Amino acid sequence: MSKQKIVEEEANFQKSDAFSLTMIPGKFARSMRTCVIWQFIRFVIINVKMIVVVGKSH
């Protein structure tokens, strides 16, 4: 059997013999998850939504 180079994304599929349906994020998703500016924008948006919901209940 020839040696195969295991790519980091493929390591999840090597753990079991059964086919895994785990999704692996692409480059864009990984960059959005690690971007501090985008995380701050999402934080502000979620907080504004929470303020609106709490404001409606009072």
Foldseek 3Di string as FASTA:
>chain_A
DDDDDQDPVCVVQPPDPDGDPDDDDDPVVVCCVPDPVNVVVVVVVVVVVVCVVVVVVD
